[in-house]
């Protein structure tokens, strides 16, 4: 068991969210569903209290805590994507609010924010060529969804 695990607060959708997330990322699974032994602020006795799940090899807990708290952009999860196809697939699956997309950030139907970070974008932004890195950054900042080819063109000095 990992020493620290993120705990995500849901209002009755913990199991639905966990099942959705594990369907998207390799090396993911539902590990345990715990039902509440008594009534609590987030649900009735016998309802799903927590779902322990592994997402991309990392342990998470989803808690049905009730309507008291909502996700915001102060916390997000990054998914490091290998290519444009993975960026596009995950954007399509996760983005429930296209109007909120910015620089590869999406918000899912549960309100959780995700950053879809192409490996190539990280390489370009950390280039030892400062001008190349700046051009890549400037191109990325204009995008809602990351277009790796367009960022590469900008980094190379093209339009």
Protein backbone atom coordinates (compact mmCIF):
# COMPACT_ATOMS: atom_id res chain seq x y z
CA UNK A 1 0.00 0.00 0.00
CA UNK A 2 1.27 3.46 -0.86
CA UNK A 3 1.87 5.84 2.03
CA UNK A 4 -0.17 8.65 0.42
CA UNK A 5 -3.19 8.26 -1.87
CA UNK A 6 -5.35 11.02 -3.35
CA UNK A 7 -8.92 10.88 -2.07
CA UNK A 8 -11.53 12.31 -4.45
CA UNK A 9 -14.82 13.55 -2.98
CA UNK A 10 -18.00 12.71 -4.90
CA UNK A 11 -21.70 13.17 -4.27
CA UNK A 12 -22.90 9.62 -4.87
CA UNK A 13 -20.91 9.00 -8.08
CA UNK A 14 -17.69 7.52 -6.63
CA UNK A 15 -18.14 4.08 -8.18
CA UNK A 16 -19.34 5.45 -11.54
CA UNK A 17 -16.37 7.83 -11.71
CA UNK A 18 -13.81 5.19 -10.71
CA UNK A 19 -15.15 2.74 -13.31
CA UNK A 20 -15.03 5.47 -15.97
CA UNK A 21 -11.46 6.48 -15.13
CA UNK A 22 -10.09 2.92 -15.09
CA UNK A 23 -11.67 2.30 -18.51
CA UNK A 24 -9.47 5.05 -20.01
CA UNK A 25 -5.95 4.41 -18.73
CA UNK A 26 -3.81 1.24 -19.02
CA UNK A 27 -2.65 -0.43 -15.79
CA UNK A 28 -5.91 0.53 -14.06
CA UNK A 29 -8.50 -1.42 -12.10
CA UNK A 30 -11.09 -1.28 -9.33
CA UNK A 31 -9.43 -2.74 -6.24
CA UNK A 32 -12.15 -2.54 -3.60
CA UNK A 33 -15.68 -1.21 -3.11
CA UNK A 34 -16.58 -0.52 0.53
CA UNK A 35 -20.21 -0.16 1.53
CA UNK A 36 -21.20 2.06 4.42
CA UNK A 37 -21.88 0.15 7.66
CA UNK A 38 -24.22 2.95 8.83
CA UNK A 39 -26.02 6.05 7.58
CA UNK A 40 -23.61 8.96 7.09
CA UNK A 41 -23.66 12.48 5.58
CA UNK A 42 -22.77 11.05 2.15
CA UNK A 43 -25.23 8.16 1.99
CA UNK A 44 -27.35 5.52 3.59
CA UNK A 45 -26.26 2.28 5.22
CA UNK A 46 -25.28 -0.19 2.49
CA UNK A 47 -24.54 2.46 -0.13
CA UNK A 48 -21.08 2.75 -1.66
CA UNK A 49 -18.87 4.67 0.77
CA UNK A 50 -15.46 4.37 -0.91
CA UNK A 51 -13.95 2.87 -4.01
CA UNK A 52 -10.25 2.09 -4.01
CA UNK A 53 -8.91 2.02 -7.54
CA UNK A 54 -5.61 1.95 -9.36
CA UNK A 55 -5.21 4.45 -12.19
CA UNK A 56 -2.10 4.14 -14.31
CA UNK A 57 -0.45 2.14 -11.53
CA UNK A 58 -1.25 4.73 -8.81
CA UNK A 59 -3.71 4.14 -5.98
CA UNK A 60 -6.71 6.48 -5.54
CA UNK A 61 -9.72 6.52 -3.27
CA UNK A 62 -13.12 7.81 -4.36
CA UNK A 63 -15.35 8.82 -1.44
CA UNK A 64 -19.09 9.44 -1.55
CA UNK A 65 -18.98 12.33 0.89
CA UNK A 66 -22.17 14.13 -0.11
CA UNK A 67 -22.91 17.49 -1.73
CA UNK A 68 -20.75 19.62 0.59
CA UNK A 69 -17.62 20.02 -1.57
CA UNK A 70 -16.94 20.34 -5.30
CA UNK A 71 -13.80 19.97 -7.38
CA UNK A 72 -12.07 23.07 -8.69
CA UNK A 73 -9.08 23.76 -10.92
CA UNK A 74 -6.70 24.18 -7.98
CA UNK A 75 -6.17 20.41 -8.21
CA UNK A 76 -5.87 18.50 -11.46
CA UNK A 77 -4.35 15.27 -12.67
CA UNK A 78 -1.84 15.11 -15.50
CA UNK A 79 -1.90 12.30 -18.02
CA UNK A 80 1.35 12.06 -19.95
CA UNK A 81 0.35 11.13 -23.49
CA UNK A 82 2.59 9.41 -26.03
CA UNK A 83 1.08 10.87 -29.20
CA UNK A 84 -1.70 12.91 -30.78
CA UNK A 85 -4.00 9.88 -30.98
CA UNK A 86 -3.81 9.41 -27.20
CA UNK A 87 -4.37 13.14 -26.59
CA UNK A 88 -7.40 13.10 -28.89
CA UNK A 89 -8.87 9.90 -27.40
CA UNK A 90 -8.56 11.14 -23.82
CA UNK A 91 -9.80 14.64 -24.66
CA UNK A 92 -12.86 13.14 -26.34
CA UNK A 93 -13.55 10.84 -23.39
CA UNK A 94 -12.85 13.27 -20.55
CA UNK A 95 -13.96 16.69 -21.77
CA UNK A 96 -17.54 17.30 -20.70
CA UNK A 97 -17.18 21.09 -20.85
CA UNK A 98 -15.44 22.03 -24.15
CA UNK A 99 -15.91 25.72 -23.36
CA UNK A 100 -13.57 25.29 -20.37
CA UNK A 101 -10.75 23.63 -22.35
CA UNK A 102 -7.48 25.53 -22.34
CA UNK A 103 -3.91 24.47 -23.12
CA UNK A 104 -4.79 20.78 -22.90
CA UNK A 105 -6.79 21.11 -19.66
CA UNK A 106 -10.21 19.48 -19.65
CA UNK A 107 -12.95 19.09 -17.07
CA UNK A 108 -14.85 15.80 -16.87
CA UNK A 109 -18.53 15.22 -16.15
CA UNK A 110 -17.79 14.93 -12.43
CA UNK A 111 -16.05 18.33 -12.36
CA UNK A 112 -12.51 16.95 -12.03
CA UNK A 113 -9.81 18.72 -14.07
CA UNK A 114 -7.24 16.84 -16.15
CA UNK A 115 -4.15 18.00 -18.01
CA UNK A 116 -3.41 16.01 -21.16
CA UNK A 117 0.31 16.54 -21.66
CA UNK A 118 1.91 15.14 -24.81
CA UNK A 119 5.44 13.84 -24.25
CA UNK A 120 6.58 15.89 -27.24
CA UNK A 121 5.17 19.11 -25.76
CA UNK A 122 7.21 18.58 -22.58
CA UNK A 123 10.33 18.03 -24.68
CA UNK A 124 9.75 21.22 -26.69
CA UNK A 125 9.02 23.36 -23.62
CA UNK A 126 12.22 22.19 -21.94
CA UNK A 127 14.40 22.65 -25.02
CA UNK A 128 17.86 24.11 -24.30
CA UNK A 129 17.13 26.42 -27.26
CA UNK A 130 15.30 29.20 -25.38
CA UNK A 131 13.79 30.72 -28.54
CA UNK A 132 12.44 27.33 -29.63
CA UNK A 133 10.94 26.69 -26.17
CA UNK A 134 9.38 30.18 -26.15
CA UNK A 135 7.79 29.66 -29.58
CA UNK A 136 6.39 26.29 -28.45
CA UNK A 137 4.97 27.86 -25.29
CA UNK A 138 3.41 30.77 -27.17
CA UNK A 139 1.74 28.37 -29.62
CA UNK A 140 0.46 26.11 -26.84
CA UNK A 141 -1.02 29.04 -24.91
CA UNK A 142 -3.27 29.85 -27.88
CA UNK A 143 -4.73 26.34 -28.01
CA UNK A 144 -7.72 24.79 -26.34
CA UNK A 145 -6.77 21.23 -27.34
CA UNK A 146 -3.09 20.51 -27.88
CA UNK A 147 -2.10 20.03 -31.51
CA UNK A 148 1.38 18.51 -31.36
CA UNK A 149 2.17 19.12 -35.04
CA UNK A 150 1.24 22.80 -34.75
CA UNK A 151 3.41 23.22 -31.64
CA UNK A 152 6.32 21.53 -33.45
CA UNK A 153 5.89 23.87 -36.45
CA UNK A 154 5.86 26.91 -34.18
CA UNK A 155 8.89 25.69 -32.25
CA UNK A 156 10.77 25.24 -35.53
CA UNK A 157 10.00 28.84 -36.44
CA UNK A 158 7.08 28.18 -38.80
CA UNK A 159 3.52 29.39 -38.45
